[in-house]
Amino acid sequence: MLRWLLHGLRLVAAALSFFLVPLTVMVAVDAVWGQGTLERMGKAGLVLVAALFLCGLYGAFRLLGRSPRRESPAAEVRRLREHGMLVEREFRVKRAFEVEDPHASQYVCELDDGSCILLRGQFLWDYEHVWSWRGLKRRFPCTRFVLQELAGSRRLHGLVCLGEPLEPEAVAPPFTVDESFAQELFDGEATLVERPYAELQHVLFHERPIRSKE
């Protein structure tokens, strides 16, 4: 935030300085050729003044109007690691199925220890086949991936796909208005559950709807 504020102040100062340049030129013209020189030039003088101001404005935006350079994703990850602000957990997946949702992707993945991880969020769109028109192949679900979370919170920072892509075994129907994400299932972007994969599959495909506790 402070970086953007300083950048804004620098841009204003630069713009003011470039506006002072035309004024300085006008004063210099009057000093060399006599007071009122620009007035005697008539339209030509007005054009000269306007051109000087436009050049000053263009120069200000051209030289200093760029936004501060953003960190590259790789540099940001390195910085977070160095400061101990990034928690990385690796998971190995045996199989997965999808839960339909028009607003976000949802997956139930069976891990190699028999537990499951449930992932939900629009961030998964970047790893799916829905972007095939951009020349991107499906990368998630996959046999091995790393979740990057900000330390001290459940907020996901990134997903790194390391294994081979897996095609979901099936697609469960979407949740209805009577069902609750917070009840044992998709509680946040990533939820680890001890319930077996087959049990979750049976619940989401056959025991519907799951009624909210409210």
N, C-alpha and C. Protein backbone atom coordinates (compact mmCIF):
# COMPACT_ATOMS: atom_id res chain seq x y z
N MET A 1 0.84 -1.20 0.00
CA MET A 1 0.00 0.00 0.00
C MET A 1 0.87 1.25 0.00
N LEU A 2 1.91 1.25 0.86
CA LEU A 2 2.81 2.40 0.93
C LEU A 2 3.54 2.59 -0.38
N ARG A 3 3.90 1.47 -1.03
CA ARG A 3 4.61 1.56 -2.31
C ARG A 3 3.75 2.25 -3.36
N TRP A 4 2.46 1.93 -3.38
CA TRP A 4 1.56 2.56 -4.35
C TRP A 4 1.35 4.04 -4.02
N LEU A 5 1.30 4.40 -2.73
CA LEU A 5 1.15 5.80 -2.33
C LEU A 5 2.35 6.62 -2.76
N LEU A 6 3.53 6.07 -2.52
CA LEU A 6 4.75 6.77 -2.93
C LEU A 6 4.83 6.93 -4.44
N HIS A 7 4.38 5.88 -5.14
CA HIS A 7 4.37 5.95 -6.60
C HIS A 7 3.43 7.06 -7.07
N GLY A 8 2.26 7.18 -6.43
CA GLY A 8 1.31 8.23 -6.80
C GLY A 8 1.86 9.62 -6.55
N LEU A 9 2.52 9.80 -5.41
CA LEU A 9 3.12 11.10 -5.11
C LEU A 9 4.23 11.43 -6.10
N ARG A 10 5.00 10.42 -6.46
CA ARG A 10 6.07 10.64 -7.44
C ARG A 10 5.52 11.04 -8.79
N LEU A 11 4.39 10.43 -9.17
CA LEU A 11 3.77 10.76 -10.45
C LEU A 11 3.24 12.19 -10.46
N VAL A 12 2.61 12.61 -9.36
CA VAL A 12 2.10 13.98 -9.27
C VAL A 12 3.24 14.99 -9.35
N ALA A 13 4.33 14.69 -8.61
CA ALA A 13 5.48 15.58 -8.63
C ALA A 13 6.08 15.67 -10.03
N ALA A 14 6.13 14.54 -10.72
CA ALA A 14 6.68 14.53 -12.07
C ALA A 14 5.81 15.35 -13.02
N ALA A 15 4.49 15.19 -12.90
CA ALA A 15 3.57 15.94 -13.76
C ALA A 15 3.71 17.44 -13.52
N LEU A 16 3.81 17.83 -12.24
CA LEU A 16 3.96 19.26 -11.92
C LEU A 16 5.27 19.80 -12.47
N SER A 17 6.32 19.01 -12.34
CA SER A 17 7.62 19.47 -12.84
C SER A 17 7.60 19.65 -14.35
N PHE A 18 6.89 18.75 -15.07
CA PHE A 18 6.83 18.89 -16.51
C PHE A 18 5.95 20.07 -16.93
N PHE A 19 4.98 20.42 -16.08
CA PHE A 19 4.20 21.61 -16.39
C PHE A 19 5.01 22.88 -16.13
N LEU A 20 5.95 22.79 -15.19
CA LEU A 20 6.79 23.96 -14.92
C LEU A 20 7.75 24.24 -16.06
N VAL A 21 8.12 23.20 -16.81
CA VAL A 21 9.04 23.39 -17.93
C VAL A 21 8.46 24.33 -18.99
N PRO A 22 7.21 24.11 -19.46
CA PRO A 22 6.64 25.06 -20.43
C PRO A 22 6.57 26.48 -19.88
N LEU A 23 6.22 26.61 -18.59
CA LEU A 23 6.15 27.95 -18.01
C LEU A 23 7.53 28.61 -18.01
N THR A 24 8.55 27.81 -17.72
CA THR A 24 9.91 28.34 -17.73
C THR A 24 10.31 28.79 -19.13
N VAL A 25 9.93 27.99 -20.14
CA VAL A 25 10.22 28.35 -21.53
C VAL A 25 9.53 29.65 -21.91
N MET A 26 8.28 29.82 -21.48
CA MET A 26 7.54 31.04 -21.79
C MET A 26 8.20 32.26 -21.18
N VAL A 27 8.64 32.11 -19.92
CA VAL A 27 9.32 33.23 -19.27
C VAL A 27 10.63 33.55 -19.98
N ALA A 28 11.36 32.47 -20.40
CA ALA A 28 12.63 32.69 -21.09
C ALA A 28 12.43 33.40 -22.42
N VAL A 29 11.38 33.05 -23.15
CA VAL A 29 11.09 33.71 -24.43
C VAL A 29 10.84 35.20 -24.22
N ASP A 30 10.06 35.52 -23.19
CA ASP A 30 9.78 36.94 -22.89
C ASP A 30 11.05 37.66 -22.46
N ALA A 31 11.93 36.95 -21.72
CA ALA A 31 13.15 37.59 -21.24
C ALA A 31 14.11 37.88 -22.38
N VAL A 32 14.18 37.00 -23.39
CA VAL A 32 15.14 37.16 -24.50
C VAL A 32 14.61 38.11 -25.58
N TRP A 33 13.38 37.92 -25.96
CA TRP A 33 12.83 38.71 -27.08
C TRP A 33 11.89 39.83 -26.63
N GLY A 34 11.78 39.99 -25.34
CA GLY A 34 10.97 41.09 -24.84
C GLY A 34 9.61 40.62 -24.36
N GLN A 35 9.09 41.35 -23.37
CA GLN A 35 7.81 40.97 -22.79
C GLN A 35 6.69 41.09 -23.83
N GLY A 36 5.82 40.11 -23.83
CA GLY A 36 4.69 40.12 -24.76
C GLY A 36 4.99 39.46 -26.08
N THR A 37 6.16 38.78 -26.17
CA THR A 37 6.54 38.14 -27.44
C THR A 37 5.51 37.10 -27.85
N LEU A 38 5.06 36.27 -26.90
CA LEU A 38 4.09 35.23 -27.23
C LEU A 38 2.76 35.82 -27.67
N GLU A 39 2.39 36.96 -27.04
CA GLU A 39 1.14 37.60 -27.45
C GLU A 39 1.25 38.13 -28.87
N ARG A 40 2.43 38.66 -29.20
CA ARG A 40 2.61 39.20 -30.55
C ARG A 40 2.64 38.10 -31.60
N MET A 41 3.00 36.89 -31.17
CA MET A 41 3.02 35.76 -32.12
C MET A 41 1.61 35.30 -32.46
N GLY A 42 0.62 35.71 -31.70
CA GLY A 42 -0.78 35.37 -31.99
C GLY A 42 -1.04 33.87 -31.87
N LYS A 43 -1.70 33.32 -32.89
CA LYS A 43 -2.06 31.90 -32.86
C LYS A 43 -0.83 31.00 -32.77
N ALA A 44 0.23 31.40 -33.40
CA ALA A 44 1.46 30.60 -33.36
C ALA A 44 1.96 30.46 -31.92
N GLY A 45 1.84 31.55 -31.16
CA GLY A 45 2.25 31.50 -29.76
C GLY A 45 1.39 30.56 -28.95
N LEU A 46 0.07 30.60 -29.20
CA LEU A 46 -0.85 29.70 -28.49
C LEU A 46 -0.56 28.24 -28.83
N VAL A 47 -0.27 28.00 -30.09
CA VAL A 47 0.06 26.63 -30.51
C VAL A 47 1.34 26.17 -29.83
N LEU A 48 2.33 27.06 -29.72
CA LEU A 48 3.59 26.71 -29.08
C LEU A 48 3.37 26.37 -27.60
N VAL A 49 2.57 27.20 -26.93
CA VAL A 49 2.30 26.95 -25.51
C VAL A 49 1.57 25.62 -25.32
N ALA A 50 0.54 25.39 -26.16
CA ALA A 50 -0.22 24.14 -26.06
C ALA A 50 0.67 22.93 -26.32
N ALA A 51 1.56 23.05 -27.32
CA ALA A 51 2.47 21.95 -27.66
C ALA A 51 3.42 21.66 -26.50
N LEU A 52 3.89 22.72 -25.85
CA LEU A 52 4.80 22.52 -24.72
C LEU A 52 4.10 21.80 -23.57
N PHE A 53 2.87 22.19 -23.30
CA PHE A 53 2.13 21.53 -22.21
C PHE A 53 1.82 20.08 -22.55
N LEU A 54 1.44 19.80 -23.80
CA LEU A 54 1.17 18.42 -24.20
C LEU A 54 2.42 17.57 -24.12
N CYS A 55 3.54 18.13 -24.53
CA CYS A 55 4.80 17.38 -24.45
C CYS A 55 5.15 17.08 -23.00
N GLY A 56 4.92 18.07 -22.13
CA GLY A 56 5.20 17.86 -20.72
C GLY A 56 4.32 16.77 -20.13
N LEU A 57 3.03 16.79 -20.48
CA LEU A 57 2.11 15.78 -19.97
C LEU A 57 2.46 14.39 -20.49
N TYR A 58 2.80 14.31 -21.77
CA TYR A 58 3.17 13.02 -22.35
C TYR A 58 4.44 12.48 -21.70
N GLY A 59 5.41 13.36 -21.48
CA GLY A 59 6.65 12.93 -20.86
C GLY A 59 6.45 12.41 -19.46
N ALA A 60 5.54 13.06 -18.70
CA ALA A 60 5.28 12.63 -17.33
C ALA A 60 4.69 11.23 -17.30
N PHE A 61 3.71 10.96 -18.14
CA PHE A 61 3.09 9.64 -18.17
C PHE A 61 4.01 8.60 -18.80
N ARG A 62 4.80 9.04 -19.76
CA ARG A 62 5.69 8.09 -20.43
C ARG A 62 6.81 7.62 -19.52
N LEU A 63 7.37 8.53 -18.76
CA LEU A 63 8.53 8.20 -17.94
C LEU A 63 8.16 7.66 -16.57
N LEU A 64 7.09 8.20 -15.98
CA LEU A 64 6.79 7.85 -14.59
C LEU A 64 5.40 7.32 -14.37
N GLY A 65 4.65 7.15 -15.43
CA GLY A 65 3.26 6.72 -15.28
C GLY A 65 3.06 5.23 -15.19
N ARG A 66 4.13 4.46 -15.18
CA ARG A 66 4.01 3.01 -15.09
C ARG A 66 3.75 2.59 -13.65
N SER A 67 2.97 1.55 -13.50
CA SER A 67 2.70 1.01 -12.17
C SER A 67 3.97 0.36 -11.62
N PRO A 68 4.10 0.31 -10.30
CA PRO A 68 5.25 -0.39 -9.72
C PRO A 68 5.31 -1.83 -10.20
N ARG A 69 6.49 -2.32 -10.46
CA ARG A 69 6.65 -3.68 -10.97
C ARG A 69 6.20 -4.69 -9.90
N ARG A 70 5.33 -5.58 -10.31
CA ARG A 70 4.84 -6.59 -9.38
C ARG A 70 5.84 -7.74 -9.28
N GLU A 71 5.81 -8.38 -8.12
CA GLU A 71 6.63 -9.57 -7.93
C GLU A 71 6.15 -10.68 -8.85
N SER A 72 7.09 -11.43 -9.38
CA SER A 72 6.71 -12.62 -10.12
C SER A 72 6.21 -13.66 -9.13
N PRO A 73 5.32 -14.58 -9.55
CA PRO A 73 4.83 -15.61 -8.63
C PRO A 73 5.96 -16.39 -7.97
N ALA A 74 7.01 -16.71 -8.73
CA ALA A 74 8.13 -17.47 -8.16
C ALA A 74 8.86 -16.66 -7.10
N ALA A 75 9.05 -15.36 -7.36
CA ALA A 75 9.73 -14.50 -6.39
C ALA A 75 8.90 -14.34 -5.12
N GLU A 76 7.59 -14.24 -5.28
CA GLU A 76 6.72 -14.12 -4.12
C GLU A 76 6.77 -15.37 -3.25
N VAL A 77 6.77 -16.55 -3.89
CA VAL A 77 6.86 -17.80 -3.13
C VAL A 77 8.19 -17.87 -2.38
N ARG A 78 9.28 -17.47 -3.03
CA ARG A 78 10.59 -17.48 -2.36
C ARG A 78 10.61 -16.55 -1.15
N ARG A 79 10.01 -15.38 -1.31
CA ARG A 79 9.97 -14.42 -0.21
C ARG A 79 9.16 -14.97 0.96
N LEU A 80 8.00 -15.57 0.66
CA LEU A 80 7.17 -16.12 1.72
C LEU A 80 7.88 -17.27 2.44
N ARG A 81 8.60 -18.10 1.70
CA ARG A 81 9.36 -19.19 2.31
C ARG A 81 10.44 -18.65 3.23
N GLU A 82 11.17 -17.65 2.76
CA GLU A 82 12.27 -17.11 3.56
C GLU A 82 11.78 -16.52 4.87
N HIS A 83 10.56 -15.96 4.87
CA HIS A 83 10.02 -15.34 6.08
C HIS A 83 9.15 -16.31 6.89
N GLY A 84 9.13 -17.57 6.49
CA GLY A 84 8.34 -18.55 7.22
C GLY A 84 6.85 -18.31 7.16
N MET A 85 6.39 -17.72 6.07
CA MET A 85 4.99 -17.36 5.95
C MET A 85 4.21 -18.32 5.05
N LEU A 86 4.88 -19.37 4.58
CA LEU A 86 4.25 -20.29 3.65
C LEU A 86 4.29 -21.71 4.21
N VAL A 87 3.13 -22.35 4.26
CA VAL A 87 3.03 -23.74 4.69
C VAL A 87 2.73 -24.59 3.45
N GLU A 88 3.58 -25.57 3.16
CA GLU A 88 3.42 -26.40 1.98
C GLU A 88 3.19 -27.85 2.40
N ARG A 89 2.12 -28.42 1.88
CA ARG A 89 1.77 -29.81 2.19
C ARG A 89 1.63 -30.60 0.89
N GLU A 90 2.26 -31.75 0.86
CA GLU A 90 2.21 -32.59 -0.34
C GLU A 90 1.20 -33.71 -0.16
N PHE A 91 0.44 -33.99 -1.21
CA PHE A 91 -0.57 -35.03 -1.17
C PHE A 91 -0.40 -35.96 -2.37
N ARG A 92 -0.66 -37.24 -2.14
CA ARG A 92 -0.63 -38.23 -3.22
C ARG A 92 -2.04 -38.80 -3.37
N VAL A 93 -2.54 -38.75 -4.59
CA VAL A 93 -3.94 -39.08 -4.87
C VAL A 93 -4.04 -40.38 -5.65
N LYS A 94 -4.99 -41.21 -5.24
CA LYS A 94 -5.22 -42.48 -5.96
C LYS A 94 -6.35 -42.34 -6.98
N ARG A 95 -7.40 -41.62 -6.62
CA ARG A 95 -8.53 -41.42 -7.54
C ARG A 95 -9.33 -40.22 -7.05
N ALA A 96 -10.25 -39.75 -7.90
CA ALA A 96 -11.03 -38.55 -7.55
C ALA A 96 -12.34 -38.54 -8.32
N PHE A 97 -13.32 -37.85 -7.75
CA PHE A 97 -14.55 -37.56 -8.50
C PHE A 97 -14.92 -36.11 -8.27
N GLU A 98 -15.74 -35.60 -9.15
CA GLU A 98 -16.10 -34.17 -9.16
C GLU A 98 -17.53 -33.99 -8.66
N VAL A 99 -17.79 -32.85 -8.05
CA VAL A 99 -19.15 -32.46 -7.67
C VAL A 99 -19.50 -31.23 -8.50
N GLU A 100 -20.54 -31.34 -9.27
CA GLU A 100 -20.92 -30.28 -10.20
C GLU A 100 -21.29 -29.00 -9.46
N ASP A 101 -20.85 -27.87 -10.00
CA ASP A 101 -21.20 -26.56 -9.45
C ASP A 101 -20.91 -25.51 -10.52
N PRO A 102 -21.88 -24.65 -10.85
CA PRO A 102 -21.64 -23.66 -11.90
C PRO A 102 -20.73 -22.52 -11.46
N HIS A 103 -20.52 -22.37 -10.15
CA HIS A 103 -19.79 -21.22 -9.64
C HIS A 103 -18.35 -21.54 -9.24
N ALA A 104 -18.04 -22.80 -9.01
CA ALA A 104 -16.69 -23.18 -8.60
C ALA A 104 -16.50 -24.67 -8.83
N SER A 105 -15.24 -25.07 -9.01
CA SER A 105 -14.94 -26.50 -9.16
C SER A 105 -14.88 -27.16 -7.79
N GLN A 106 -15.31 -28.43 -7.72
CA GLN A 106 -15.30 -29.17 -6.48
C GLN A 106 -14.83 -30.59 -6.75
N TYR A 107 -13.87 -31.06 -5.94
CA TYR A 107 -13.34 -32.41 -6.12
C TYR A 107 -13.19 -33.11 -4.78
N VAL A 108 -13.44 -34.40 -4.80
CA VAL A 108 -13.14 -35.27 -3.67
C VAL A 108 -12.01 -36.18 -4.13
N CYS A 109 -10.87 -36.11 -3.43
CA CYS A 109 -9.70 -36.89 -3.83
C CYS A 109 -9.34 -37.89 -2.73
N GLU A 110 -9.17 -39.14 -3.12
CA GLU A 110 -8.74 -40.17 -2.16
C GLU A 110 -7.22 -40.16 -2.09
N LEU A 111 -6.68 -40.04 -0.87
CA LEU A 111 -5.24 -39.99 -0.66
C LEU A 111 -4.68 -41.38 -0.42
N ASP A 112 -3.37 -41.49 -0.49
CA ASP A 112 -2.74 -42.81 -0.37
C ASP A 112 -2.86 -43.42 1.02
N ASP A 113 -3.22 -42.61 2.04
CA ASP A 113 -3.38 -43.16 3.38
C ASP A 113 -4.84 -43.54 3.69
N GLY A 114 -5.72 -43.43 2.69
CA GLY A 114 -7.11 -43.81 2.86
C GLY A 114 -8.03 -42.66 3.25
N SER A 115 -7.47 -41.51 3.64
CA SER A 115 -8.31 -40.35 3.94
C SER A 115 -8.62 -39.61 2.64
N CYS A 116 -9.35 -38.52 2.76
CA CYS A 116 -9.74 -37.76 1.57
C CYS A 116 -9.49 -36.27 1.78
N ILE A 117 -9.21 -35.59 0.71
CA ILE A 117 -9.14 -34.15 0.74
C ILE A 117 -10.17 -33.61 -0.24
N LEU A 118 -10.94 -32.62 0.22
CA LEU A 118 -11.99 -32.02 -0.58
C LEU A 118 -11.55 -30.62 -0.96
N LEU A 119 -11.52 -30.35 -2.24
CA LEU A 119 -11.07 -29.06 -2.74
C LEU A 119 -12.20 -28.35 -3.47
N ARG A 120 -12.32 -27.07 -3.20
CA ARG A 120 -13.38 -26.29 -3.84
C ARG A 120 -12.89 -24.87 -4.08
N GLY A 121 -13.15 -24.35 -5.29
CA GLY A 121 -12.80 -22.97 -5.57
C GLY A 121 -12.63 -22.70 -7.04
N GLN A 122 -12.74 -21.41 -7.40
CA GLN A 122 -12.55 -21.02 -8.79
C GLN A 122 -11.09 -21.11 -9.21
N PHE A 123 -10.17 -21.13 -8.24
CA PHE A 123 -8.75 -21.23 -8.58
C PHE A 123 -8.45 -22.53 -9.32
N LEU A 124 -9.31 -23.54 -9.15
CA LEU A 124 -9.10 -24.82 -9.82
C LEU A 124 -9.37 -24.74 -11.32
N TRP A 125 -10.08 -23.72 -11.74
CA TRP A 125 -10.39 -23.58 -13.17
C TRP A 125 -9.11 -23.50 -14.01
N ASP A 126 -8.07 -22.91 -13.44
CA ASP A 126 -6.82 -22.76 -14.20
C ASP A 126 -6.12 -24.09 -14.46
N TYR A 127 -6.55 -25.14 -13.78
CA TYR A 127 -5.88 -26.43 -13.89
C TYR A 127 -6.74 -27.47 -14.62
N GLU A 128 -7.90 -27.05 -15.10
CA GLU A 128 -8.84 -28.00 -15.69
C GLU A 128 -8.87 -27.90 -17.21
N HIS A 129 -9.56 -28.85 -17.81
CA HIS A 129 -9.67 -28.90 -19.26
C HIS A 129 -10.55 -27.80 -19.83
N VAL A 130 -11.26 -27.04 -18.96
CA VAL A 130 -12.14 -25.99 -19.48
C VAL A 130 -11.34 -24.92 -20.21
N TRP A 131 -10.02 -24.87 -19.96
CA TRP A 131 -9.19 -23.88 -20.65
C TRP A 131 -8.47 -24.50 -21.84
N SER A 132 -8.97 -25.60 -22.36
CA SER A 132 -8.30 -26.27 -23.47
C SER A 132 -8.22 -25.38 -24.71
N TRP A 133 -9.16 -24.44 -24.83
CA TRP A 133 -9.13 -23.53 -25.98
C TRP A 133 -7.91 -22.61 -25.93
N ARG A 134 -7.27 -22.50 -24.77
CA ARG A 134 -6.04 -21.72 -24.64
C ARG A 134 -4.81 -22.60 -24.82
N GLY A 135 -5.02 -23.84 -25.21
CA GLY A 135 -3.90 -24.74 -25.41
C GLY A 135 -3.39 -25.37 -24.13
N LEU A 136 -4.18 -25.27 -23.04
CA LEU A 136 -3.77 -25.85 -21.76
C LEU A 136 -4.45 -27.19 -21.54
N LYS A 137 -3.69 -28.18 -21.13
CA LYS A 137 -4.25 -29.49 -20.84
C LYS A 137 -4.63 -29.59 -19.38
N ARG A 138 -5.49 -30.56 -19.09
CA ARG A 138 -5.88 -30.78 -17.70
C ARG A 138 -4.65 -31.12 -16.85
N ARG A 139 -4.54 -30.44 -15.72
CA ARG A 139 -3.46 -30.72 -14.78
C ARG A 139 -3.97 -31.19 -13.42
N PHE A 140 -5.25 -30.97 -13.16
CA PHE A 140 -5.84 -31.38 -11.89
C PHE A 140 -7.22 -31.95 -12.14
N PRO A 141 -7.61 -33.01 -11.41
CA PRO A 141 -6.87 -33.74 -10.39
C PRO A 141 -5.62 -34.40 -10.96
N CYS A 142 -4.66 -34.69 -10.05
CA CYS A 142 -3.44 -35.36 -10.47
C CYS A 142 -2.97 -36.27 -9.34
N THR A 143 -2.02 -37.12 -9.66
CA THR A 143 -1.58 -38.13 -8.70
C THR A 143 -0.74 -37.57 -7.56
N ARG A 144 -0.23 -36.37 -7.73
CA ARG A 144 0.60 -35.76 -6.67
C ARG A 144 0.57 -34.25 -6.82
N PHE A 145 0.29 -33.56 -5.73
CA PHE A 145 0.27 -32.10 -5.78
C PHE A 145 0.66 -31.52 -4.42
N VAL A 146 1.00 -30.24 -4.44
CA VAL A 146 1.38 -29.51 -3.23
C VAL A 146 0.43 -28.35 -3.04
N LEU A 147 -0.14 -28.24 -1.84
CA LEU A 147 -0.96 -27.09 -1.47
C LEU A 147 -0.09 -26.08 -0.74
N GLN A 148 -0.14 -24.84 -1.17
CA GLN A 148 0.59 -23.77 -0.52
C GLN A 148 -0.40 -22.87 0.21
N GLU A 149 -0.27 -22.79 1.53
CA GLU A 149 -1.17 -21.99 2.35
C GLU A 149 -0.38 -20.95 3.12
N LEU A 150 -1.02 -19.80 3.35
CA LEU A 150 -0.39 -18.77 4.16
C LEU A 150 -0.39 -19.19 5.61
N ALA A 151 0.75 -19.06 6.27
CA ALA A 151 0.88 -19.49 7.65
C ALA A 151 -0.09 -18.74 8.55
N GLY A 152 -0.70 -19.48 9.47
CA GLY A 152 -1.63 -18.87 10.42
C GLY A 152 -3.02 -18.66 9.89
N SER A 153 -3.30 -19.16 8.70
CA SER A 153 -4.64 -19.03 8.13
C SER A 153 -4.92 -20.23 7.23
N ARG A 154 -6.17 -20.35 6.82
CA ARG A 154 -6.54 -21.43 5.91
C ARG A 154 -6.60 -20.94 4.47
N ARG A 155 -6.05 -19.78 4.23
CA ARG A 155 -6.12 -19.19 2.90
C ARG A 155 -5.09 -19.84 1.97
N LEU A 156 -5.56 -20.36 0.86
CA LEU A 156 -4.66 -20.98 -0.11
C LEU A 156 -3.91 -19.92 -0.90
N HIS A 157 -2.62 -20.17 -1.07
CA HIS A 157 -1.82 -19.27 -1.88
C HIS A 157 -1.56 -19.83 -3.27
N GLY A 158 -1.48 -21.16 -3.35
CA GLY A 158 -1.19 -21.76 -4.65
C GLY A 158 -1.35 -23.27 -4.63
N LEU A 159 -1.39 -23.81 -5.81
CA LEU A 159 -1.49 -25.25 -6.01
C LEU A 159 -0.44 -25.64 -7.05
N VAL A 160 0.42 -26.59 -6.69
CA VAL A 160 1.49 -27.02 -7.60
C VAL A 160 1.23 -28.47 -7.98
N CYS A 161 0.94 -28.69 -9.24
CA CYS A 161 0.68 -30.05 -9.73
C CYS A 161 1.99 -30.71 -10.13
N LEU A 162 2.30 -31.85 -9.50
CA LEU A 162 3.56 -32.54 -9.73
C LEU A 162 3.39 -33.90 -10.41
N GLY A 163 2.20 -34.52 -10.25
CA GLY A 163 1.99 -35.86 -10.78
C GLY A 163 1.26 -35.88 -12.11
N GLU A 164 0.88 -37.06 -12.50
CA GLU A 164 0.15 -37.24 -13.75
C GLU A 164 -1.32 -36.84 -13.56
N PRO A 165 -1.92 -36.22 -14.56
CA PRO A 165 -3.34 -35.84 -14.44
C PRO A 165 -4.26 -37.05 -14.33
N LEU A 166 -5.33 -36.89 -13.56
CA LEU A 166 -6.33 -37.94 -13.38
C LEU A 166 -7.67 -37.44 -13.90
N GLU A 167 -8.32 -38.27 -14.67
CA GLU A 167 -9.67 -37.92 -15.11
C GLU A 167 -10.64 -38.32 -13.99
N PRO A 168 -11.53 -37.42 -13.57
CA PRO A 168 -12.49 -37.78 -12.50
C PRO A 168 -13.30 -39.01 -12.88
N GLU A 169 -13.52 -39.88 -11.89
CA GLU A 169 -14.26 -41.11 -12.14
C GLU A 169 -15.72 -40.84 -12.50
N ALA A 170 -16.29 -39.81 -11.89
CA ALA A 170 -17.70 -39.49 -12.13
C ALA A 170 -17.94 -38.06 -11.68
N VAL A 171 -19.14 -37.56 -11.98
CA VAL A 171 -19.53 -36.21 -11.57
C VAL A 171 -20.82 -36.30 -10.78
N ALA A 172 -20.77 -35.92 -9.51
CA ALA A 172 -21.95 -35.94 -8.65
C ALA A 172 -22.84 -34.74 -8.96
N PRO A 173 -24.14 -34.86 -8.71
CA PRO A 173 -25.05 -33.73 -8.97
C PRO A 173 -24.75 -32.54 -8.07
N PRO A 174 -25.10 -31.34 -8.49
CA PRO A 174 -24.80 -30.15 -7.69
C PRO A 174 -25.60 -30.12 -6.39
N PHE A 175 -25.11 -29.34 -5.43
CA PHE A 175 -25.83 -29.16 -4.18
C PHE A 175 -27.08 -28.31 -4.43
N THR A 176 -28.12 -28.57 -3.67
CA THR A 176 -29.35 -27.79 -3.77
C THR A 176 -29.37 -26.73 -2.69
N VAL A 177 -30.38 -25.86 -2.73
CA VAL A 177 -30.48 -24.80 -1.73
C VAL A 177 -30.72 -25.36 -0.33
N ASP A 178 -31.19 -26.60 -0.24
CA ASP A 178 -31.45 -27.21 1.07
C ASP A 178 -30.21 -27.85 1.67
N GLU A 179 -29.12 -27.86 0.91
CA GLU A 179 -27.92 -28.54 1.38
C GLU A 179 -26.88 -27.53 1.87
N SER A 180 -26.02 -28.01 2.76
CA SER A 180 -25.05 -27.13 3.39
C SER A 180 -23.64 -27.59 3.10
N PHE A 181 -22.79 -26.67 2.61
CA PHE A 181 -21.38 -26.97 2.39
C PHE A 181 -20.66 -27.18 3.72
N ALA A 182 -21.13 -26.50 4.76
CA ALA A 182 -20.43 -26.52 6.04
C ALA A 182 -20.66 -27.81 6.81
N GLN A 183 -21.61 -28.63 6.39
CA GLN A 183 -21.93 -29.86 7.13
C GLN A 183 -21.06 -31.01 6.63
N GLU A 184 -19.94 -31.19 7.29
CA GLU A 184 -19.05 -32.32 7.09
C GLU A 184 -18.33 -32.33 5.75
N LEU A 185 -18.70 -31.45 4.83
CA LEU A 185 -18.14 -31.55 3.49
C LEU A 185 -17.23 -30.38 3.16
N PHE A 186 -17.58 -29.61 2.16
CA PHE A 186 -16.67 -28.58 1.65
C PHE A 186 -16.66 -27.35 2.56
N ASP A 187 -15.83 -27.41 3.58
CA ASP A 187 -15.71 -26.30 4.53
C ASP A 187 -14.45 -25.50 4.19
N GLY A 188 -14.58 -24.56 3.28
CA GLY A 188 -13.43 -23.79 2.83
C GLY A 188 -12.88 -24.34 1.52
N GLU A 189 -11.70 -23.88 1.16
CA GLU A 189 -11.10 -24.28 -0.12
C GLU A 189 -10.49 -25.67 -0.07
N ALA A 190 -9.97 -26.05 1.09
CA ALA A 190 -9.35 -27.37 1.23
C ALA A 190 -9.75 -27.96 2.58
N THR A 191 -10.33 -29.16 2.56
CA THR A 191 -10.80 -29.81 3.78
C THR A 191 -10.32 -31.25 3.80
N LEU A 192 -9.61 -31.62 4.86
CA LEU A 192 -9.18 -33.00 5.06
C LEU A 192 -10.21 -33.73 5.91
N VAL A 193 -10.66 -34.89 5.44
CA VAL A 193 -11.64 -35.68 6.18
C VAL A 193 -11.15 -37.11 6.31
N GLU A 194 -11.56 -37.76 7.39
CA GLU A 194 -11.16 -39.15 7.63
C GLU A 194 -12.15 -40.15 7.02
N ARG A 195 -13.25 -39.66 6.51
CA ARG A 195 -14.26 -40.56 5.95
C ARG A 195 -13.73 -41.22 4.68
N PRO A 196 -14.02 -42.49 4.49
CA PRO A 196 -13.52 -43.20 3.29
C PRO A 196 -14.10 -42.61 2.01
N TYR A 197 -13.33 -42.76 0.96
CA TYR A 197 -13.73 -42.27 -0.36
C TYR A 197 -15.06 -42.89 -0.80
N ALA A 198 -15.20 -44.20 -0.61
CA ALA A 198 -16.43 -44.89 -1.04
C ALA A 198 -17.64 -44.36 -0.29
N GLU A 199 -17.46 -44.03 0.99
CA GLU A 199 -18.58 -43.50 1.77
C GLU A 199 -19.01 -42.12 1.27
N LEU A 200 -18.03 -41.26 1.00
CA LEU A 200 -18.35 -39.93 0.47
C LEU A 200 -19.01 -40.04 -0.91
N GLN A 201 -18.54 -40.97 -1.70
CA GLN A 201 -19.12 -41.17 -3.02
C GLN A 201 -20.58 -41.63 -2.90
N HIS A 202 -20.84 -42.54 -1.97
CA HIS A 202 -22.21 -43.01 -1.76
C HIS A 202 -23.11 -41.87 -1.27
N VAL A 203 -22.60 -41.07 -0.33
CA VAL A 203 -23.39 -39.95 0.21
C VAL A 203 -23.73 -38.95 -0.88
N LEU A 204 -22.75 -38.58 -1.68
CA LEU A 204 -22.96 -37.52 -2.66
C LEU A 204 -23.72 -37.98 -3.90
N PHE A 205 -23.74 -39.27 -4.15
CA PHE A 205 -24.46 -39.77 -5.33
C PHE A 205 -25.84 -40.34 -4.99
N HIS A 206 -26.01 -40.85 -3.77
CA HIS A 206 -27.24 -41.59 -3.47
C HIS A 206 -28.03 -41.05 -2.28
N GLU A 207 -27.39 -40.45 -1.30
CA GLU A 207 -28.11 -39.94 -0.13
C GLU A 207 -28.34 -38.45 -0.27
N ARG A 208 -29.08 -38.04 -1.23
CA ARG A 208 -29.34 -36.63 -1.48
C ARG A 208 -30.81 -36.30 -1.26
N PRO A 209 -31.13 -35.08 -0.83
CA PRO A 209 -30.21 -34.03 -0.46
C PRO A 209 -29.68 -34.18 0.96
N ILE A 210 -28.54 -33.53 1.22
CA ILE A 210 -27.99 -33.48 2.56
C ILE A 210 -28.57 -32.24 3.22
N ARG A 211 -29.40 -32.39 4.19
CA ARG A 211 -30.10 -31.26 4.77
C ARG A 211 -29.19 -30.43 5.66
N SER A 212 -29.37 -29.12 5.60
CA SER A 212 -28.63 -28.23 6.46
C SER A 212 -29.08 -28.40 7.91
N LYS A 213 -28.18 -28.13 8.85
CA LYS A 213 -28.52 -28.22 10.26
C LYS A 213 -29.43 -27.09 10.69
N GLU A 214 -29.48 -26.01 9.91
CA GLU A 214 -30.30 -24.86 10.28
C GLU A 214 -31.77 -25.20 10.17
